[in-house]
C-alpha atoms as a PDB file:
ATOM      1  CA  UNK A   1      13.807  10.077  14.426  1.00  0.00           C
ATOM      2  CA  UNK A   2      13.202  13.613  13.009  1.00  0.00           C
ATOM      3  CA  UNK A   3      10.976  16.052  14.840  1.00  0.00           C
ATOM      4  CA  UNK A   4       7.295  15.182  14.276  1.00  0.00           C
ATOM      5  CA  UNK A   5       5.382  17.557  12.012  1.00  0.00           C
ATOM      6  CA  UNK A   6       3.092  20.085  13.676  1.00  0.00           C
ATOM      7  CA  UNK A   7      -0.232  18.352  12.736  1.00  0.00           C
ATOM      8  CA  UNK A   8       1.057  15.056  14.113  1.00  0.00           C
ATOM      9  CA  UNK A   9       2.377  16.681  17.300  1.00  0.00           C
ATOM     10  CA  UNK A  10      -1.001  18.339  17.867  1.00  0.00           C
ATOM     11  CA  UNK A  11      -2.927  15.175  17.108  1.00  0.00           C
ATOM     12  CA  UNK A  12      -0.593  13.115  19.269  1.00  0.00           C
ATOM     13  CA  UNK A  13      -1.074  15.435  22.229  1.00  0.00           C
ATOM     14  CA  UNK A  14      -4.841  15.113  21.867  1.00  0.00           C
ATOM     15  CA  UNK A  15      -4.622  11.353  21.377  1.00  0.00           C
ATOM     16  CA  UNK A  16      -2.338  10.874  24.363  1.00  0.00           C
ATOM     17  CA  UNK A  17      -4.503  13.100  26.560  1.00  0.00           C
ATOM     18  CA  UNK A  18      -7.602  11.174  25.555  1.00  0.00           C
ATOM     19  CA  UNK A  19      -5.842   7.866  26.034  1.00  0.00           C
ATOM     20  CA  UNK A  20      -4.161   8.543  29.388  1.00  0.00           C
ATOM     21  CA  UNK A  21      -6.949   6.989  31.409  1.00  0.00           C
ATOM     22  CA  UNK A  22      -6.802   3.823  29.292  1.00  0.00           C
ATOM     23  CA  UNK A  23      -3.041   3.520  29.641  1.00  0.00           C
ATOM     24  CA  UNK A  24      -3.107   3.649  33.448  1.00  0.00           C
ATOM     25  CA  UNK A  25      -5.907   1.190  33.925  1.00  0.00           C
ATOM     26  CA  UNK A  26      -5.057  -1.931  35.864  1.00  0.00           C
ATOM     27  CA  UNK A  27      -5.277  -5.376  34.274  1.00  0.00           C
ATOM     28  CA  UNK A  28      -8.641  -5.940  35.927  1.00  0.00           C
ATOM     29  CA  UNK A  29     -10.041  -2.706  34.585  1.00  0.00           C
ATOM     30  CA  UNK A  30      -8.773  -3.475  31.093  1.00  0.00           C
ATOM     31  CA  UNK A  31     -10.996  -6.530  31.069  1.00  0.00           C
ATOM     32  CA  UNK A  32     -13.976  -4.198  31.406  1.00  0.00           C
ATOM     33  CA  UNK A  33     -12.935  -1.248  29.246  1.00  0.00           C
ATOM     34  CA  UNK A  34     -12.470  -2.057  25.559  1.00  0.00           C
ATOM     35  CA  UNK A  35      -9.011  -1.738  24.044  1.00  0.00           C
ATOM     36  CA  UNK A  36      -9.323   0.807  21.234  1.00  0.00           C
ATOM     37  CA  UNK A  37      -7.478   0.210  17.960  1.00  0.00           C
ATOM     38  CA  UNK A  38      -7.476   3.168  15.591  1.00  0.00           C
ATOM     39  CA  UNK A  39      -7.021   1.732  12.087  1.00  0.00           C
ATOM     40  CA  UNK A  40      -6.198   4.569   9.687  1.00  0.00           C
ATOM     41  CA  UNK A  41      -5.875   4.343   5.912  1.00  0.00           C
ATOM     42  CA  UNK A  42      -5.817   6.680   2.920  1.00  0.00           C
ATOM     43  CA  UNK A  43      -8.228   5.062   0.451  1.00  0.00           C
ATOM     44  CA  UNK A  44     -11.999   4.820   0.100  1.00  0.00           C
ATOM     45  CA  UNK A  45     -14.022   2.356   2.215  1.00  0.00           C
ATOM     46  CA  UNK A  46     -15.159   0.497  -0.913  1.00  0.00           C
ATOM     47  CA  UNK A  47     -11.622  -0.449  -2.030  1.00  0.00           C
ATOM     48  CA  UNK A  48      -9.911  -3.778  -1.229  1.00  0.00           C
ATOM     49  CA  UNK A  49      -7.953  -2.151   1.611  1.00  0.00           C
ATOM     50  CA  UNK A  50     -11.024  -0.349   2.933  1.00  0.00           C
ATOM     51  CA  UNK A  51     -13.157  -3.459   2.919  1.00  0.00           C
ATOM     52  CA  UNK A  52     -10.337  -5.500   4.449  1.00  0.00           C
ATOM     53  CA  UNK A  53     -10.068  -2.998   7.309  1.00  0.00           C
ATOM     54  CA  UNK A  54     -13.826  -3.175   7.891  1.00  0.00           C
ATOM     55  CA  UNK A  55     -13.705  -6.991   7.863  1.00  0.00           C
ATOM     56  CA  UNK A  56     -10.898  -6.962  10.424  1.00  0.00           C
ATOM     57  CA  UNK A  57     -12.971  -4.657  12.642  1.00  0.00           C
ATOM     58  CA  UNK A  58     -15.948  -7.014  12.414  1.00  0.00           C
ATOM     59  CA  UNK A  59     -13.908 -10.140  13.202  1.00  0.00           C
ATOM     60  CA  UNK A  60     -11.692  -8.576  15.873  1.00  0.00           C
ATOM     61  CA  UNK A  61     -14.659  -7.321  17.860  1.00  0.00           C
ATOM     62  CA  UNK A  62     -16.448 -10.638  17.429  1.00  0.00           C
ATOM     63  CA  UNK A  63     -13.519 -12.895  18.403  1.00  0.00           C
ATOM     64  CA  UNK A  64     -12.506 -10.810  21.424  1.00  0.00           C
ATOM     65  CA  UNK A  65     -16.106 -10.638  22.681  1.00  0.00           C
ATOM     66  CA  UNK A  66     -16.012  -6.870  22.842  1.00  0.00           C
ATOM     67  CA  UNK A  67     -12.629  -6.623  24.592  1.00  0.00           C
ATOM     68  CA  UNK A  68     -11.383  -4.745  21.531  1.00  0.00           C
ATOM     69  CA  UNK A  69     -13.038  -1.885  19.688  1.00  0.00           C
ATOM     70  CA  UNK A  70     -11.650  -1.095  16.224  1.00  0.00           C
ATOM     71  CA  UNK A  71     -12.218   2.409  14.848  1.00  0.00           C
ATOM     72  CA  UNK A  72     -11.566   2.593  11.092  1.00  0.00           C
ATOM     73  CA  UNK A  73     -10.661   5.982   9.582  1.00  0.00           C
ATOM     74  CA  UNK A  74     -10.622   5.866   5.736  1.00  0.00           C
ATOM     75  CA  UNK A  75      -9.828   8.473   3.080  1.00  0.00           C
ATOM     76  CA  UNK A  76      -6.968  10.175   4.964  1.00  0.00           C
ATOM     77  CA  UNK A  77      -9.396  11.381   7.635  1.00  0.00           C
ATOM     78  CA  UNK A  78      -6.610  11.313  10.210  1.00  0.00           C
ATOM     79  CA  UNK A  79      -3.353  11.340   8.261  1.00  0.00           C
ATOM     80  CA  UNK A  80      -2.126  11.639   4.684  1.00  0.00           C
ATOM     81  CA  UNK A  81       0.368   9.286   3.011  1.00  0.00           C
ATOM     82  CA  UNK A  82       3.464  11.061   4.273  1.00  0.00           C
ATOM     83  CA  UNK A  83       2.249  11.356   7.869  1.00  0.00           C
ATOM     84  CA  UNK A  84       0.677   8.023   8.718  1.00  0.00           C
ATOM     85  CA  UNK A  85       3.731   5.855   9.463  1.00  0.00           C
ATOM     86  CA  UNK A  86       5.191   8.497  11.757  1.00  0.00           C
ATOM     87  CA  UNK A  87       1.817   8.738  13.491  1.00  0.00           C
ATOM     88  CA  UNK A  88       1.874   4.977  14.092  1.00  0.00           C
ATOM     89  CA  UNK A  89       5.385   5.118  15.523  1.00  0.00           C
ATOM     90  CA  UNK A  90       4.292   7.890  17.896  1.00  0.00           C
ATOM     91  CA  UNK A  91       1.244   5.913  19.030  1.00  0.00           C
ATOM     92  CA  UNK A  92      -1.350   8.326  17.604  1.00  0.00           C
ATOM     93  CA  UNK A  93      -2.860   5.335  15.750  1.00  0.00           C
ATOM     94  CA  UNK A  94      -2.423   1.624  16.382  1.00  0.00           C
ATOM     95  CA  UNK A  95      -2.844   0.095  12.933  1.00  0.00           C
ATOM     96  CA  UNK A  96      -2.216   1.017   9.299  1.00  0.00           C
ATOM     97  CA  UNK A  97      -2.078  -0.694   5.927  1.00  0.00           C
ATOM     98  CA  UNK A  98       0.386   1.458   3.963  1.00  0.00           C
ATOM     99  CA  UNK A  99       1.573   0.500   0.525  1.00  0.00           C
ATOM    100  CA  UNK A 100       4.829  -1.444   0.494  1.00  0.00           C
ATOM    101  CA  UNK A 101       6.564   1.510  -1.152  1.00  0.00           C
ATOM    102  CA  UNK A 102       6.257   3.463   2.121  1.00  0.00           C
ATOM    103  CA  UNK A 103       8.948   1.461   3.898  1.00  0.00           C
ATOM    104  CA  UNK A 104      11.817   2.552   1.663  1.00  0.00           C
ATOM    105  CA  UNK A 105      11.837   6.132   2.987  1.00  0.00           C
ATOM    106  CA  UNK A 106      11.583   4.662   6.490  1.00  0.00           C
ATOM    107  CA  UNK A 107      14.916   2.910   6.001  1.00  0.00           C
ATOM    108  CA  UNK A 108      13.697  -0.585   5.070  1.00  0.00           C
ATOM    109  CA  UNK A 109      14.742  -0.223   1.438  1.00  0.00           C
ATOM    110  CA  UNK A 110      14.400  -3.950   0.790  1.00  0.00           C
ATOM    111  CA  UNK A 111      10.604  -3.521   0.547  1.00  0.00           C
ATOM    112  CA  UNK A 112      11.100  -1.547  -2.661  1.00  0.00           C
ATOM    113  CA  UNK A 113      11.764  -4.842  -4.436  1.00  0.00           C
ATOM    114  CA  UNK A 114       7.974  -5.050  -4.811  1.00  0.00           C
ATOM    115  CA  UNK A 115       8.071  -1.822  -6.868  1.00  0.00           C
ATOM    116  CA  UNK A 116      10.449  -3.138  -9.525  1.00  0.00           C
ATOM    117  CA  UNK A 117       8.752  -3.180 -12.938  1.00  0.00           C
ATOM    118  CA  UNK A 118       7.697  -6.538 -14.355  1.00  0.00           C
ATOM    119  CA  UNK A 119       9.213  -8.505 -11.452  1.00  0.00           C
ATOM    120  CA  UNK A 120       5.953 -10.357 -10.750  1.00  0.00           C
ATOM    121  CA  UNK A 121       4.366 -12.374 -13.542  1.00  0.00           C
ATOM    122  CA  UNK A 122       1.146 -13.133 -11.635  1.00  0.00           C
ATOM    123  CA  UNK A 123      -0.562 -13.395  -8.239  1.00  0.00           C
ATOM    124  CA  UNK A 124       0.625 -16.970  -7.663  1.00  0.00           C
ATOM    125  CA  UNK A 125       4.233 -15.751  -7.836  1.00  0.00           C
ATOM    126  CA  UNK A 126       3.383 -12.941  -5.439  1.00  0.00           C
ATOM    127  CA  UNK A 127       1.911 -15.337  -2.889  1.00  0.00           C
ATOM    128  CA  UNK A 128       5.016 -17.503  -2.979  1.00  0.00           C
ATOM    129  CA  UNK A 129       7.014 -14.445  -1.947  1.00  0.00           C
ATOM    130  CA  UNK A 130       4.728 -12.970   0.721  1.00  0.00           C
ATOM    131  CA  UNK A 131       4.014 -16.367   2.301  1.00  0.00           C
ATOM    132  CA  UNK A 132       7.641 -17.469   2.091  1.00  0.00           C
ATOM    133  CA  UNK A 133      10.882 -16.859   3.940  1.00  0.00           C
ATOM    134  CA  UNK A 134      11.534 -13.490   2.300  1.00  0.00           C
ATOM    135  CA  UNK A 135       8.127 -12.103   3.248  1.00  0.00           C
ATOM    136  CA  UNK A 136       8.779 -12.950   6.905  1.00  0.00           C
ATOM    137  CA  UNK A 137      12.329 -11.611   6.841  1.00  0.00           C
ATOM    138  CA  UNK A 138      11.151  -8.284   5.434  1.00  0.00           C
ATOM    139  CA  UNK A 139       8.664  -7.930   8.299  1.00  0.00           C
ATOM    140  CA  UNK A 140      11.451  -8.667  10.779  1.00  0.00           C
ATOM    141  CA  UNK A 141      13.294  -5.575   9.519  1.00  0.00           C
ATOM    142  CA  UNK A 142      10.434  -3.336  10.699  1.00  0.00           C
ATOM    143  CA  UNK A 143      10.770  -4.237  14.369  1.00  0.00           C
ATOM    144  CA  UNK A 144      13.774  -1.951  14.864  1.00  0.00           C
ATOM    145  CA  UNK A 145      11.487   0.877  13.663  1.00  0.00           C
ATOM    146  CA  UNK A 146       8.948   0.130  16.417  1.00  0.00           C
ATOM    147  CA  UNK A 147       6.632  -1.615  13.944  1.00  0.00           C
ATOM    148  CA  UNK A 148       5.277  -5.156  13.679  1.00  0.00           C
ATOM    149  CA  UNK A 149       4.106  -6.501  10.330  1.00  0.00           C
ATOM    150  CA  UNK A 150       0.896  -8.517  10.618  1.00  0.00           C
ATOM    151  CA  UNK A 151      -0.117  -9.376   7.039  1.00  0.00           C
ATOM    152  CA  UNK A 152       0.374  -8.659   3.349  1.00  0.00           C
ATOM    153  CA  UNK A 153      -2.751  -7.433   1.553  1.00  0.00           C
ATOM    154  CA  UNK A 154      -3.152  -7.230  -2.204  1.00  0.00           C
ATOM    155  CA  UNK A 155      -4.350  -4.362  -4.245  1.00  0.00           C
ATOM    156  CA  UNK A 156      -3.386  -5.483  -7.699  1.00  0.00           C
ATOM    157  CA  UNK A 157      -1.370  -4.848 -10.809  1.00  0.00           C
ATOM    158  CA  UNK A 158      -0.888  -1.281 -11.975  1.00  0.00           C
ATOM    159  CA  UNK A 159      -2.004   0.370 -15.195  1.00  0.00           C
ATOM    160  CA  UNK A 160      -0.806   3.673 -16.666  1.00  0.00           C
ATOM    161  CA  UNK A 161      -3.068   6.653 -17.260  1.00  0.00           C
ATOM    162  CA  UNK A 162      -2.473   9.971 -19.027  1.00  0.00           C
ATOM    163  CA  UNK A 163      -4.091  12.532 -21.274  1.00  0.00           C
ATOM    164  CA  UNK A 164      -2.273  11.117 -24.301  1.00  0.00           C
ATOM    165  CA  UNK A 165      -2.031   7.528 -25.563  1.00  0.00           C
ATOM    166  CA  UNK A 166       0.809   5.574 -23.961  1.00  0.00           C
ATOM    167  CA  UNK A 167       1.765   2.782 -26.324  1.00  0.00           C
ATOM    168  CA  UNK A 168       5.537   2.994 -26.545  1.00  0.00           C
ATOM    169  CA  UNK A 169       8.183   4.186 -24.067  1.00  0.00           C
ATOM    170  CA  UNK A 170       8.772   7.314 -26.162  1.00  0.00           C
ATOM    171  CA  UNK A 171       5.194   8.414 -25.426  1.00  0.00           C
ATOM    172  CA  UNK A 172       6.158   9.135 -21.804  1.00  0.00           C
ATOM    173  CA  UNK A 173       8.800  11.679 -22.698  1.00  0.00           C
ATOM    174  CA  UNK A 174       8.329  14.907 -20.727  1.00  0.00           C
ATOM    175  CA  UNK A 175       5.136  13.829 -18.957  1.00  0.00           C
ATOM    176  CA  UNK A 176       4.749  14.684 -15.253  1.00  0.00           C
ATOM    177  CA  UNK A 177       3.727  11.389 -13.677  1.00  0.00           C
ATOM    178  CA  UNK A 178       2.498  11.111 -10.094  1.00  0.00           C
ATOM    179  CA  UNK A 179       4.221   8.537  -7.912  1.00  0.00           C
ATOM    180  CA  UNK A 180       4.310   7.416  -4.316  1.00  0.00           C
ATOM    181  CA  UNK A 181       7.552   8.274  -2.543  1.00  0.00           C
ATOM    182  CA  UNK A 182       9.851   5.550  -3.878  1.00  0.00           C
ATOM    183  CA  UNK A 183      13.303   5.717  -5.431  1.00  0.00           C
ATOM    184  CA  UNK A 184      12.416   2.688  -7.546  1.00  0.00           C
ATOM    185  CA  UNK A 185       9.354   4.403  -8.984  1.00  0.00           C
ATOM    186  CA  UNK A 186      11.398   7.535  -9.624  1.00  0.00           C
ATOM    187  CA  UNK A 187      13.893   5.442 -11.566  1.00  0.00           C
ATOM    188  CA  UNK A 188      11.075   3.693 -13.429  1.00  0.00           C
ATOM    189  CA  UNK A 189       9.636   6.902 -14.831  1.00  0.00           C
ATOM    190  CA  UNK A 190      13.007   8.447 -15.547  1.00  0.00           C
ATOM    191  CA  UNK A 191      13.824   5.323 -17.577  1.00  0.00           C
ATOM    192  CA  UNK A 192      10.721   6.085 -19.627  1.00  0.00           C
ATOM    193  CA  UNK A 193      11.714   9.739 -20.080  1.00  0.00           C
ATOM    194  CA  UNK A 194       8.960  11.031 -17.775  1.00  0.00           C
ATOM    195  CA  UNK A 195       9.223  13.396 -14.794  1.00  0.00           C
ATOM    196  CA  UNK A 196       8.196  11.670 -11.534  1.00  0.00           C
ATOM    197  CA  UNK A 197       6.233  13.797  -9.064  1.00  0.00           C
ATOM    198  CA  UNK A 198       5.599  12.627  -5.497  1.00  0.00           C
ATOM    199  CA  UNK A 199       2.030  13.479  -4.492  1.00  0.00           C
ATOM    200  CA  UNK A 200      -0.309  12.322  -1.727  1.00  0.00           C
ATOM    201  CA  UNK A 201      -2.948   9.899  -2.983  1.00  0.00           C
ATOM    202  CA  UNK A 202      -5.773  12.139  -1.743  1.00  0.00           C
ATOM    203  CA  UNK A 203      -4.485  14.999  -3.942  1.00  0.00           C
ATOM    204  CA  UNK A 204      -4.114  13.096  -7.220  1.00  0.00           C
ATOM    205  CA  UNK A 205      -7.573  13.754  -8.689  1.00  0.00           C
ATOM    206  CA  UNK A 206      -7.184  17.519  -8.277  1.00  0.00           C
ATOM    207  CA  UNK A 207      -3.621  17.318  -9.554  1.00  0.00           C
ATOM    208  CA  UNK A 208      -4.848  15.619 -12.724  1.00  0.00           C
ATOM    209  CA  UNK A 209      -7.794  17.982 -13.066  1.00  0.00           C
ATOM    210  CA  UNK A 210      -5.615  21.087 -12.840  1.00  0.00           C
ATOM    211  CA  UNK A 211      -2.697  19.752 -14.881  1.00  0.00           C
ATOM    212  CA  UNK A 212      -0.205  19.668 -12.011  1.00  0.00           C
ATOM    213  CA  UNK A 213       0.428  16.085 -13.150  1.00  0.00           C
ATOM    214  CA  UNK A 214      -0.210  14.608 -16.592  1.00  0.00           C
ATOM    215  CA  UNK A 215      -0.826  11.064 -15.469  1.00  0.00           C
ATOM    216  CA  UNK A 216      -0.108   8.321 -12.971  1.00  0.00           C
ATOM    217  CA  UNK A 217       0.040   4.599 -12.364  1.00  0.00           C
ATOM    218  CA  UNK A 218      -2.441   2.769 -10.170  1.00  0.00           C
ATOM    219  CA  UNK A 219      -4.703  -0.230  -9.889  1.00  0.00           C
ATOM    220  CA  UNK A 220      -8.152  -0.172 -11.501  1.00  0.00           C
ATOM    221  CA  UNK A 221      -9.962  -0.154  -8.150  1.00  0.00           C
ATOM    222  CA  UNK A 222      -8.009   2.878  -6.948  1.00  0.00           C
ATOM    223  CA  UNK A 223      -8.491   4.679 -10.253  1.00  0.00           C
ATOM    224  CA  UNK A 224     -12.224   4.035 -10.250  1.00  0.00           C
ATOM    225  CA  UNK A 225     -13.014   4.888  -6.620  1.00  0.00           C
ATOM    226  CA  UNK A 226     -11.019   8.129  -6.904  1.00  0.00           C
ATOM    227  CA  UNK A 227     -12.591   8.906 -10.313  1.00  0.00           C
ATOM    228  CA  UNK A 228      -9.242   9.245 -12.076  1.00  0.00           C
ATOM    229  CA  UNK A 229     -10.858   7.983 -15.275  1.00  0.00           C
ATOM    230  CA  UNK A 230     -12.958  11.146 -15.355  1.00  0.00           C
ATOM    231  CA  UNK A 231      -9.867  13.361 -15.630  1.00  0.00           C
ATOM    232  CA  UNK A 232      -7.619  11.076 -17.717  1.00  0.00           C
ATOM    233  CA  UNK A 233      -8.294  10.492 -21.403  1.00  0.00           C
ATOM    234  CA  UNK A 234      -6.373   7.209 -21.728  1.00  0.00           C
ATOM    235  CA  UNK A 235      -5.611   4.147 -19.599  1.00  0.00           C
ATOM    236  CA  UNK A 236      -3.028   1.650 -20.829  1.00  0.00           C
ATOM    237  CA  UNK A 237      -3.464  -1.916 -19.551  1.00  0.00           C
ATOM    238  CA  UNK A 238       0.223  -2.421 -18.878  1.00  0.00           C
ATOM    239  CA  UNK A 239       0.250  -4.587 -15.697  1.00  0.00           C
ATOM    240  CA  UNK A 240       3.819  -3.326 -15.327  1.00  0.00           C
ATOM    241  CA  UNK A 241       3.938  -3.232 -11.544  1.00  0.00           C
ATOM    242  CA  UNK A 242       2.212  -4.231  -8.360  1.00  0.00           C
ATOM    243  CA  UNK A 243       0.643  -2.397  -5.440  1.00  0.00           C
ATOM    244  CA  UNK A 244       0.331  -4.247  -2.193  1.00  0.00           C
ATOM    245  CA  UNK A 245       0.008  -3.274   1.434  1.00  0.00           C
ATOM    246  CA  UNK A 246       1.492  -4.347   4.724  1.00  0.00           C
ATOM    247  CA  UNK A 247      -0.885  -4.285   7.665  1.00  0.00           C
ATOM    248  CA  UNK A 248       1.273  -2.987  10.497  1.00  0.00           C
ATOM    249  CA  UNK A 249       0.875  -2.126  14.153  1.00  0.00           C
ATOM    250  CA  UNK A 250       2.781  -0.224  16.802  1.00  0.00           C
ATOM    251  CA  UNK A 251       5.182  -2.724  18.408  1.00  0.00           C
ATOM    252  CA  UNK A 252       4.878  -1.338  21.940  1.00  0.00           C
ATOM    253  CA  UNK A 253       1.079  -1.445  21.713  1.00  0.00           C
ATOM    254  CA  UNK A 254       0.995  -4.966  20.242  1.00  0.00           C
ATOM    255  CA  UNK A 255       3.499  -6.412  22.701  1.00  0.00           C
ATOM    256  CA  UNK A 256       1.517  -4.882  25.571  1.00  0.00           C
ATOM    257  CA  UNK A 257      -1.756  -6.624  24.683  1.00  0.00           C
ATOM    258  CA  UNK A 258      -2.954  -9.555  26.816  1.00  0.00           C
ATOM    259  CA  UNK A 259      -1.833 -12.765  25.093  1.00  0.00           C
ATOM    260  CA  UNK A 260      -5.386 -14.085  24.684  1.00  0.00           C
ATOM    261  CA  UNK A 261      -6.449 -10.859  22.970  1.00  0.00           C
ATOM    262  CA  UNK A 262      -3.430 -10.950  20.686  1.00  0.00           C
ATOM    263  CA  UNK A 263      -4.238 -14.544  19.704  1.00  0.00           C
ATOM    264  CA  UNK A 264      -7.788 -13.602  18.706  1.00  0.00           C
ATOM    265  CA  UNK A 265      -6.587 -10.551  16.786  1.00  0.00           C
ATOM    266  CA  UNK A 266      -4.105 -12.742  14.886  1.00  0.00           C
ATOM    267  CA  UNK A 267      -6.982 -15.044  13.963  1.00  0.00           C
ATOM    268  CA  UNK A 268      -9.106 -12.085  12.835  1.00  0.00           C
ATOM    269  CA  UNK A 269      -6.225 -10.730  10.741  1.00  0.00           C
ATOM    270  CA  UNK A 270      -5.627 -14.061   8.983  1.00  0.00           C
ATOM    271  CA  UNK A 271      -9.292 -14.300   7.972  1.00  0.00           C
ATOM    272  CA  UNK A 272      -9.489 -10.622   7.013  1.00  0.00           C
ATOM    273  CA  UNK A 273      -6.418 -11.123   4.818  1.00  0.00           C
ATOM    274  CA  UNK A 274      -8.026 -13.963   2.852  1.00  0.00           C
ATOM    275  CA  UNK A 275     -11.138 -11.820   2.439  1.00  0.00           C
ATOM    276  CA  UNK A 276      -9.232  -8.657   1.408  1.00  0.00           C
ATOM    277  CA  UNK A 277      -7.205 -10.523  -1.211  1.00  0.00           C
ATOM    278  CA  UNK A 278     -10.352 -12.072  -2.711  1.00  0.00           C
ATOM    279  CA  UNK A 279     -11.962  -8.642  -2.778  1.00  0.00           C
ATOM    280  CA  UNK A 280      -8.930  -7.203  -4.571  1.00  0.00           C
ATOM    281  CA  UNK A 281      -9.285  -9.623  -7.483  1.00  0.00           C
ATOM    282  CA  UNK A 282     -13.003  -8.994  -7.880  1.00  0.00           C
ATOM    283  CA  UNK A 283     -12.891  -5.230  -7.311  1.00  0.00           C
ATOM    284  CA  UNK A 284     -10.197  -4.651  -9.896  1.00  0.00           C
ATOM    285  CA  UNK A 285     -12.112  -6.646 -12.504  1.00  0.00           C
ATOM    286  CA  UNK A 286     -15.349  -4.815 -11.648  1.00  0.00           C
ATOM    287  CA  UNK A 287     -13.632  -1.416 -11.672  1.00  0.00           C
ATOM    288  CA  UNK A 288     -12.250  -2.053 -15.157  1.00  0.00           C
ATOM    289  CA  UNK A 289     -15.730  -2.963 -16.386  1.00  0.00           C
ATOM    290  CA  UNK A 290     -17.300   0.127 -14.835  1.00  0.00           C
ATOM    291  CA  UNK A 291     -14.676   2.492 -16.239  1.00  0.00           C
ATOM    292  CA  UNK A 292     -15.106   0.964 -19.696  1.00  0.00           C
ATOM    293  CA  UNK A 293     -18.880   1.327 -19.442  1.00  0.00           C
ATOM    294  CA  UNK A 294     -18.551   4.999 -18.444  1.00  0.00           C
ATOM    295  CA  UNK A 295     -17.049   5.879 -21.814  1.00  0.00           C
ATOM    296  CA  UNK A 296     -15.043   8.677 -20.158  1.00  0.00           C
ATOM    297  CA  UNK A 297     -11.637   7.234 -20.981  1.00  0.00           C
ATOM    298  CA  UNK A 298     -10.129   5.183 -23.797  1.00  0.00           C
ATOM    299  CA  UNK A 299      -8.471   1.871 -22.924  1.00  0.00           C
ATOM    300  CA  UNK A 300      -5.321   0.727 -24.697  1.00  0.00           C
ATOM    301  CA  UNK A 301      -4.250  -2.916 -24.835  1.00  0.00           C
ATOM    302  CA  UNK A 302      -0.576  -3.323 -25.652  1.00  0.00           C
ATOM    303  CA  UNK A 303       0.491  -5.611 -28.450  1.00  0.00           C
ATOM    304  CA  UNK A 304       3.218  -8.182 -27.742  1.00  0.00           C
ATOM    305  CA  UNK A 305       5.719  -5.957 -29.517  1.00  0.00           C
ATOM    306  CA  UNK A 306       4.709  -2.878 -27.529  1.00  0.00           C
ATOM    307  CA  UNK A 307       4.881  -4.729 -24.199  1.00  0.00           C
ATOM    308  CA  UNK A 308       8.309  -6.082 -25.151  1.00  0.00           C
ATOM    309  CA  UNK A 309       9.446  -2.486 -25.771  1.00  0.00           C
ATOM    310  CA  UNK A 310       8.191  -1.461 -22.305  1.00  0.00           C
ATOM    311  CA  UNK A 311      10.037  -4.363 -20.680  1.00  0.00           C
ATOM    312  CA  UNK A 312      13.236  -3.537 -22.556  1.00  0.00           C
ATOM    313  CA  UNK A 313      13.026   0.135 -21.542  1.00  0.00           C
ATOM    314  CA  UNK A 314      12.391  -0.732 -17.897  1.00  0.00           C
ATOM    315  CA  UNK A 315      14.851  -3.624 -17.563  1.00  0.00           C
ATOM    316  CA  UNK A 316      17.770  -1.352 -16.547  1.00  0.00           C
ATOM    317  CA  UNK A 317      15.796  -0.187 -13.477  1.00  0.00           C
ATOM    318  CA  UNK A 318      16.337  -3.529 -11.727  1.00  0.00           C
ATOM    319  CA  UNK A 319      20.099  -3.349 -12.230  1.00  0.00           C
ATOM    320  CA  UNK A 320      20.177   0.317 -11.232  1.00  0.00           C
ATOM    321  CA  UNK A 321      18.300  -0.364  -7.989  1.00  0.00           C
ATOM    322  CA  UNK A 322      20.279  -3.473  -7.000  1.00  0.00           C
ATOM    323  CA  UNK A 323      22.634  -1.489  -4.777  1.00  0.00           C
ATOM    324  CA  UNK A 324      19.760   0.260  -3.014  1.00  0.00           C
ATOM    325  CA  UNK A 325      17.331  -2.644  -2.625  1.00  0.00           C
ATOM    326  CA  UNK A 326      19.979  -5.358  -2.345  1.00  0.00           C
ATOM    327  CA  UNK A 327      21.110  -7.650  -5.143  1.00  0.00           C
ATOM    328  CA  UNK A 328      20.586 -10.661  -2.876  1.00  0.00           C
ATOM    329  CA  UNK A 329      17.028  -9.545  -2.050  1.00  0.00           C
ATOM    330  CA  UNK A 330      16.175  -9.165  -5.734  1.00  0.00           C
ATOM    331  CA  UNK A 331      17.620 -12.573  -6.566  1.00  0.00           C
ATOM    332  CA  UNK A 332      15.796 -14.247  -3.671  1.00  0.00           C
ATOM    333  CA  UNK A 333      12.555 -12.518  -4.687  1.00  0.00           C
ATOM    334  CA  UNK A 334      12.910 -13.704  -8.278  1.00  0.00           C
ATOM    335  CA  UNK A 335      13.746 -17.239  -7.164  1.00  0.00           C
ATOM    336  CA  UNK A 336      10.759 -17.483  -4.792  1.00  0.00           C
ATOM    337  CA  UNK A 337       8.471 -15.918  -7.406  1.00  0.00           C
ATOM    338  CA  UNK A 338       9.463 -18.663  -9.853  1.00  0.00           C
ATOM    339  CA  UNK A 339       8.811 -21.356  -7.246  1.00  0.00           C
ATOM    340  CA  UNK A 340      12.423 -22.035  -6.293  1.00  0.00           C
ATOM    341  CA  UNK A 341      13.615 -22.754  -2.779  1.00  0.00           C
ATOM    342  CA  UNK A 342      16.526 -21.309  -0.871  1.00  0.00           C
END
């Protein structure tokens, strides 16, 4: 692993100093002192991820009868996008829900299959993948990184925003488009003739406001809660890609929990996952309505011909990324998404 960044080293020292007493407690004492889980995330509390984290806190504390205390830190209060996974590996936090795109830079490139444009026709196809053999096998790949995958949480399908209408692939030419750190997303925007720019989620609004980036892709709920529609003139309802999260925990921490506590936390996570995914559907629909009502941005609905042009322009990305993501992974993903079995 590379040397931790200075903010993480400083935070880790403070976290480890504060947590020393907890770590040396005997089993008997642990039954009295609550086990603290710091759950950090980078979005607002009123997003699907934020509300899912709060629901997990509620259920975890309830089902463990106070043996566990969950502290939720939203809006990058502790760590930004680029820092949070490293912080989890170092034990500075115990739980995260990063977007699936985050695992590519970590070395688990297979997760970037979720970023491929137009690979998921709908949520039913998504569920067949995340609940199936491939979803489990992808989580297994994280264990060598000191991480355990607990659940897949939805955000939703992505739309494009910019300060010019985006109807055809040619409209992207030369635009600086914000992305998460993902080679697939880089390839996606280069295929459209745009210039991909990696930027932390918490910095996107200011980046749009000041012209550092011309546009981005995101789900309606993320756009609305971060007020992107106030600094973007157009939103194209493209549904070209998907944003989902993996709820993850530090493997050493999780494996060290008493088995009865772990069982109750698993139960809490399963219920919080159902809740978070229901919230995602509703919040994205509500966010679209609210942004339309605001009148601050113009919405574009693609015609069948325009959407076909987008798909044709983006189709080469899947072939280009096959070597990186894994041709077999892509084929298995597509097969499970269509309802096939291995």
